[in-house]
Protein backbone atom coordinates (compact mmCIF):
# COMPACT_ATOMS: atom_id res chain seq x y z
CA MET A 1 19.95 -32.09 -87.65
CA ASP A 2 16.82 -31.29 -89.72
CA GLU A 3 13.27 -31.59 -88.38
CA SER A 4 12.52 -34.81 -90.31
CA THR A 5 15.60 -36.58 -88.96
CA ASP A 6 14.77 -35.43 -85.44
CA LEU A 7 11.20 -36.78 -85.72
CA THR A 8 12.51 -40.12 -87.01
CA GLY A 9 14.89 -40.38 -84.09
CA ARG A 10 12.17 -39.56 -81.56
CA PHE A 11 9.91 -42.21 -83.10
CA GLU A 12 12.65 -44.84 -82.98
CA GLU A 13 12.97 -44.25 -79.24
CA HIS A 14 9.43 -45.58 -78.87
CA ARG A 15 9.50 -48.32 -81.53
CA SER A 16 10.25 -51.25 -79.19
CA HIS A 17 7.41 -50.22 -76.85
CA LEU A 18 4.96 -49.82 -79.72
CA ARG A 19 6.00 -53.18 -81.12
CA ALA A 20 5.44 -54.82 -77.72
CA VAL A 21 1.96 -53.30 -77.40
CA SER A 22 1.02 -54.24 -80.96
CA TYR A 23 2.26 -57.82 -80.66
CA ARG A 24 0.24 -58.46 -77.51
CA MET A 25 -2.78 -56.88 -79.14
CA LEU A 26 -2.51 -58.79 -82.42
CA GLY A 27 -0.53 -61.96 -81.64
CA SER A 28 1.27 -61.69 -84.99
CA LEU A 29 4.67 -60.10 -85.44
CA SER A 30 4.08 -59.20 -89.08
CA GLU A 31 0.78 -57.50 -88.22
CA ALA A 32 2.43 -55.77 -85.27
CA GLU A 33 5.14 -54.39 -87.56
CA ASP A 34 2.42 -53.16 -89.94
CA ALA A 35 0.66 -51.38 -87.08
CA VAL A 36 3.88 -49.71 -85.94
CA GLN A 37 4.64 -48.60 -89.50
CA GLU A 38 1.15 -47.14 -89.84
CA ALA A 39 1.67 -45.26 -86.57
CA TRP A 40 4.84 -43.76 -88.03
CA LEU A 41 3.03 -42.68 -91.21
CA ARG A 42 0.34 -40.98 -89.15
CA LEU A 43 2.97 -39.22 -87.05
CA ASP A 44 4.81 -38.08 -90.16
CA ARG A 45 1.59 -36.53 -91.50
CA SER A 46 0.68 -34.83 -88.21
CA ASP A 47 1.47 -31.44 -86.75
CA THR A 48 3.78 -32.53 -83.96
CA GLY A 49 3.91 -29.10 -82.39
CA ASP A 50 0.73 -29.83 -80.44
CA ILE A 51 1.92 -33.23 -79.15
CA GLU A 52 3.07 -32.81 -75.56
CA ASN A 53 3.61 -36.51 -74.74
CA LEU A 54 4.87 -38.30 -77.84
CA GLY A 55 5.01 -41.71 -76.16
CA GLY A 56 1.41 -41.47 -74.99
CA TRP A 57 0.25 -40.14 -78.35
CA LEU A 58 1.93 -42.99 -80.22
CA THR A 59 0.57 -45.60 -77.81
CA THR A 60 -2.95 -44.26 -78.39
CA VAL A 61 -2.50 -44.22 -82.16
CA VAL A 62 -1.04 -47.72 -82.42
CA SER A 63 -3.70 -49.08 -80.04
CA ARG A 64 -6.48 -47.68 -82.21
CA ILE A 65 -4.82 -49.15 -85.30
CA CYS A 66 -4.64 -52.55 -83.61
CA LEU A 67 -8.25 -52.28 -82.48
CA ASN A 68 -9.37 -51.66 -86.06
CA MET A 69 -7.28 -54.61 -87.26
CA LEU A 70 -8.82 -56.88 -84.61
CA ARG A 71 -12.33 -55.77 -85.53
CA SER A 72 -11.61 -56.37 -89.19
CA ARG A 73 -10.26 -59.80 -88.35
CA GLU A 74 -13.40 -60.59 -86.36
CA SER A 75 -15.66 -59.66 -89.25
CA ARG A 76 -13.70 -61.66 -91.82
CA ARG A 77 -12.95 -64.61 -89.53
CA GLU A 78 -9.63 -64.99 -91.33
CA ASP A 79 -7.98 -66.41 -88.25
CA SER A 80 -10.51 -69.14 -87.55
CA MET A 81 -9.10 -72.49 -86.46
CA GLU A 82 -10.10 -74.06 -89.76
CA VAL A 83 -7.25 -72.24 -91.54
CA TYR A 84 -4.53 -73.18 -89.08
CA PRO A 85 -1.73 -75.29 -90.50
CA THR A 86 -2.16 -79.03 -90.21
CA ASP A 87 1.43 -79.30 -89.05
CA PRO A 88 2.59 -76.73 -86.49
CA ALA A 89 6.13 -77.07 -87.80
CA VAL A 90 4.96 -75.40 -91.00
CA GLY A 91 3.72 -72.23 -89.30
CA ARG A 92 2.32 -69.23 -91.16
CA GLU A 93 3.84 -67.47 -94.11
CA ASP A 94 4.56 -64.10 -92.53
CA THR A 95 7.03 -61.56 -93.81
CA VAL A 96 9.06 -61.84 -90.61
CA ASP A 97 11.55 -64.48 -89.55
CA PRO A 98 9.52 -67.44 -88.14
CA GLU A 99 12.26 -68.17 -85.61
CA GLN A 100 12.16 -64.56 -84.43
CA GLU A 101 8.40 -64.71 -83.96
CA ALA A 102 8.62 -68.08 -82.21
CA MET A 103 11.12 -66.64 -79.73
CA LEU A 104 8.90 -63.62 -79.14
CA ALA A 105 5.80 -65.78 -78.62
CA ASP A 106 7.72 -67.89 -76.12
CA SER A 107 8.91 -64.83 -74.21
CA VAL A 108 5.40 -63.38 -74.00
CA GLY A 109 3.87 -66.74 -73.09
CA LEU A 110 2.09 -69.04 -75.50
CA ALA A 111 -0.79 -69.62 -73.09
CA LEU A 112 -1.31 -65.87 -72.70
CA LEU A 113 -1.40 -65.35 -76.47
CA VAL A 114 -3.88 -68.21 -76.86
CA VAL A 115 -6.23 -66.79 -74.22
CA LEU A 116 -5.90 -63.23 -75.54
CA ASP A 117 -6.96 -64.55 -78.93
CA THR A 118 -10.32 -65.60 -77.42
CA LEU A 119 -11.14 -62.09 -76.13
CA ALA A 120 -13.31 -59.56 -77.92
CA PRO A 121 -11.28 -56.66 -79.42
CA ALA A 122 -12.32 -54.10 -76.78
CA GLU A 123 -11.63 -56.56 -73.95
CA ARG A 124 -8.23 -57.36 -75.36
CA LEU A 125 -7.28 -53.70 -75.70
CA ALA A 126 -8.46 -52.83 -72.19
CA PHE A 127 -6.61 -55.76 -70.63
CA VAL A 128 -3.38 -55.38 -72.60
CA LEU A 129 -3.06 -51.63 -72.10
CA HIS A 130 -4.05 -51.57 -68.44
CA ASP A 131 -2.76 -54.85 -67.02
CA LEU A 132 0.35 -55.28 -69.16
CA PHE A 133 1.35 -51.66 -69.80
CA ALA A 134 -0.24 -49.75 -66.89
CA VAL A 135 -2.21 -47.32 -69.06
CA PRO A 136 -4.94 -45.63 -66.95
CA PHE A 137 -8.57 -46.48 -67.73
CA ASP A 138 -9.44 -42.85 -68.40
CA GLU A 139 -6.92 -42.89 -71.27
CA ILE A 140 -8.14 -46.23 -72.63
CA ALA A 141 -11.85 -45.38 -72.52
CA PRO A 142 -11.90 -42.91 -75.46
CA MET A 143 -10.18 -45.48 -77.70
CA ILE A 144 -13.10 -47.90 -77.37
CA GLU A 145 -15.80 -45.24 -76.89
CA ARG A 146 -16.66 -46.39 -73.38
CA THR A 147 -16.69 -44.73 -69.99
CA PRO A 148 -13.71 -45.38 -67.68
CA ALA A 149 -16.02 -47.49 -65.46
CA ALA A 150 -17.17 -49.61 -68.39
CA THR A 151 -13.57 -49.97 -69.55
CA ARG A 152 -12.58 -51.14 -66.08
CA GLN A 153 -15.31 -53.80 -66.27
CA LEU A 154 -14.05 -54.97 -69.67
CA ALA A 155 -10.53 -55.36 -68.31
CA SER A 156 -11.83 -57.18 -65.23
CA ARG A 157 -13.82 -59.60 -67.39
CA ALA A 158 -10.79 -60.21 -69.58
CA ARG A 159 -8.62 -60.73 -66.50
CA ARG A 160 -10.95 -63.45 -65.25
CA ARG A 161 -10.72 -65.17 -68.62
CA VAL A 162 -6.93 -64.95 -68.64
CA LYS A 163 -6.49 -66.25 -65.09
CA GLY A 164 -9.30 -68.80 -65.20
CA ALA A 165 -10.79 -70.65 -62.26
CA PRO A 166 -8.75 -73.61 -60.98
CA ALA A 167 -10.89 -76.69 -60.38
CA ALA A 168 -8.48 -78.11 -57.80
CA PRO A 169 -6.77 -76.76 -54.66
CA GLU A 170 -3.50 -74.94 -55.25
CA ALA A 171 -1.46 -77.73 -53.61
CA ASP A 172 -2.98 -80.27 -56.00
CA LEU A 173 -2.32 -78.00 -58.98
CA THR A 174 1.29 -77.64 -57.88
CA ARG A 175 1.76 -81.41 -57.75
CA ARG A 176 0.14 -81.81 -61.16
CA ARG A 177 2.27 -78.99 -62.53
CA ARG A 178 5.45 -80.81 -61.47
CA VAL A 179 4.38 -83.94 -63.35
CA VAL A 180 3.33 -82.04 -66.49
CA ASP A 181 6.52 -79.94 -66.44
CA ALA A 182 8.59 -83.12 -66.14
CA PHE A 183 6.64 -84.68 -69.04
CA LEU A 184 7.30 -81.65 -71.22
CA ALA A 185 10.99 -81.48 -70.27
CA ALA A 186 11.51 -85.18 -71.00
CA THR A 187 9.72 -84.87 -74.35
CA ARG A 188 11.67 -81.78 -75.40
CA GLY A 189 14.93 -83.37 -74.34
CA GLY A 190 14.25 -86.72 -75.97
CA ASN A 191 14.73 -88.48 -72.63
CA PHE A 192 12.79 -91.70 -73.16
CA ASP A 193 13.66 -93.29 -69.81
CA ALA A 194 12.65 -90.19 -67.83
CA LEU A 195 9.37 -90.06 -69.70
CA VAL A 196 8.54 -93.71 -68.99
CA THR A 197 8.98 -93.11 -65.24
CA LEU A 198 6.18 -90.51 -65.38
CA LEU A 199 3.71 -92.84 -67.07
CA ASP A 200 1.51 -95.46 -65.49
CA PRO A 201 2.35 -98.88 -67.01
CA ASP A 202 -1.22 -99.14 -68.30
CA ILE A 203 -1.50 -95.56 -69.53
CA VAL A 204 -3.96 -94.83 -72.34
CA LEU A 205 -3.54 -92.09 -74.94
CA ARG A 206 -6.44 -90.96 -77.12
CA ALA A 207 -5.98 -88.48 -79.97
CA ASP A 208 -8.79 -87.21 -82.16
CA LYS A 209 -8.70 -87.47 -85.95
CA ALA A 210 -7.33 -83.94 -86.43
CA VAL A 211 -4.05 -84.81 -84.71
CA GLY A 212 -2.75 -86.89 -87.63
CA PRO A 213 -0.83 -88.26 -89.42
CA THR A 214 -3.80 -90.49 -90.29
CA PRO A 215 -7.35 -89.11 -90.67
CA ALA A 216 -8.61 -91.44 -87.96
CA PRO A 217 -8.58 -91.19 -84.16
CA ILE A 218 -5.52 -92.68 -82.45
CA PHE A 219 -5.58 -95.03 -79.48
CA LEU A 220 -2.38 -96.11 -77.74
CA SER A 221 -1.76 -97.99 -74.52
CA GLY A 222 1.24 -98.93 -72.44
CA ALA A 223 4.03 -96.72 -71.10
CA GLY A 224 6.57 -97.73 -73.72
CA THR A 225 4.24 -97.19 -76.65
CA VAL A 226 3.03 -93.80 -75.42
CA ALA A 227 6.59 -92.67 -74.66
CA LYS A 228 7.70 -93.57 -78.19
CA ALA A 229 4.83 -91.54 -79.61
CA ALA A 230 5.82 -88.58 -77.43
CA MET A 231 9.41 -88.84 -78.67
CA ALA A 232 8.14 -88.57 -82.23
CA ALA A 233 6.61 -85.20 -81.31
CA MET A 234 9.82 -83.83 -79.78
CA GLU A 235 10.12 -80.91 -82.22
CA ARG A 236 6.48 -79.97 -81.78
CA ALA A 237 6.97 -79.92 -78.02
CA ARG A 238 9.17 -76.85 -78.41
CA SER A 239 6.06 -74.80 -79.21
CA THR A 240 4.20 -76.20 -76.20
CA GLN A 241 3.70 -74.71 -72.74
CA PRO A 242 1.70 -75.57 -69.63
CA ALA A 243 -1.76 -74.01 -69.40
CA LEU A 244 -4.86 -74.27 -67.27
CA VAL A 245 -7.20 -76.58 -69.21
CA ASN A 246 -10.74 -76.81 -67.82
CA GLY A 247 -9.39 -75.81 -64.43
CA THR A 248 -6.47 -78.23 -64.22
CA VAL A 249 -2.94 -78.50 -65.57
CA GLY A 250 -2.47 -79.42 -69.21
CA LEU A 251 -0.33 -78.50 -72.20
CA ALA A 252 -1.18 -76.15 -75.06
CA MET A 253 0.70 -76.44 -78.34
CA ALA A 254 0.61 -73.06 -80.01
CA PRO A 255 3.09 -72.53 -82.85
CA LEU A 256 3.67 -68.79 -83.21
CA GLY A 257 1.08 -68.22 -80.50
CA ARG A 258 -1.82 -69.83 -82.39
CA LEU A 259 -3.54 -72.75 -80.70
CA PHE A 260 -3.04 -76.04 -82.54
CA LEU A 261 -3.73 -78.75 -80.01
CA VAL A 262 -4.13 -79.39 -76.28
CA LEU A 263 -3.01 -82.28 -74.10
CA ALA A 264 -5.29 -83.02 -71.15
CA PHE A 265 -3.87 -85.32 -68.46
CA THR A 266 -5.33 -87.65 -65.88
CA ILE A 267 -2.82 -87.99 -63.03
CA GLU A 268 -3.16 -90.45 -60.19
CA GLU A 269 -0.64 -90.89 -57.39
CA GLY A 270 1.99 -88.94 -59.30
CA LEU A 271 1.70 -90.94 -62.52
CA ILE A 272 -0.03 -90.04 -65.78
CA THR A 273 -2.77 -92.59 -66.41
CA GLU A 274 -4.51 -90.97 -69.40
CA ILE A 275 -3.67 -88.39 -72.06
CA ASP A 276 -6.36 -86.87 -74.25
CA VAL A 277 -4.90 -85.10 -77.30
CA ILE A 278 -7.39 -82.57 -78.67
CA ALA A 279 -6.96 -80.89 -82.05
CA GLU A 280 -10.40 -80.78 -83.66
CA PRO A 281 -11.41 -77.08 -83.90
CA GLU A 282 -14.85 -77.71 -82.43
CA ARG A 283 -13.39 -79.46 -79.38
CA LEU A 284 -10.72 -76.79 -78.92
CA ARG A 285 -13.35 -74.06 -78.89
CA GLU A 286 -15.20 -75.86 -76.09
CA LEU A 287 -12.16 -75.88 -73.80
CA ASP A 288 -11.78 -73.38 -70.97
CA LEU A 289 -8.14 -72.28 -71.34
CA ALA A 290 -6.32 -69.90 -69.02
CA VAL A 291 -2.81 -68.88 -68.04
CA LEU A 292 -1.33 -71.19 -65.41
CA ASP A 293 0.20 -69.34 -62.48
CA VAL A 294 1.06 -71.73 -59.65
């Protein structure tokens, strides 16, 4: 086996790990693949004789590549909400299989990807590497040109953003979570009767003008009417997961991990009395979103 073949084989042993790091850093499978490929090119051009820990070296390299990509994205604002697709079924035109990326986003957690997307690049790197991949702070610090103590603070700040601050007691959140989970399951499964049982007979649904299909806000009332509208969004519900929305349980629709709309619920005595569907970029930016863990 020649030296080039051996180096390729050693790199391939780490590819899945590098891809996992890059995807959580970037939230895009095509960009993650680009970062991994760039890491390979840098390895191929390097003197590997001085590399004692190839896995650690590659993690550092791909993390720095991702950090540069995030900073470039921040400066260009190419991923602002204004350029998101008007229909989440359309998705983005990446070079990877959309179904593959959808499955990956679902496995990572749509809510986590959405919250990570709100973090500053250095915060995101510190949190992802330390909290998700157990990289020590003293190894992360040089990547972002901070001290280990400052890096620890960045990760802590990011962690608070990710976990959020529940506005209700845990028992109340658990009860609300059951109702929201049942709503999502009934919608995904097309179970009209099960959905109606979760809705107050006089339920009101309000959707802002960005929700569509008309350019005007939507107002619906009555359990049957709201349930029919939910059935019409059955396919969209597959890219939806529970999230903490302003401290309580809601749903975030995030095709391929990019926030598209949020459903905020008012629940009284186990029934949903109001649903607020939020899709306007300005309103989405004002929401306090976090990963739901109850």
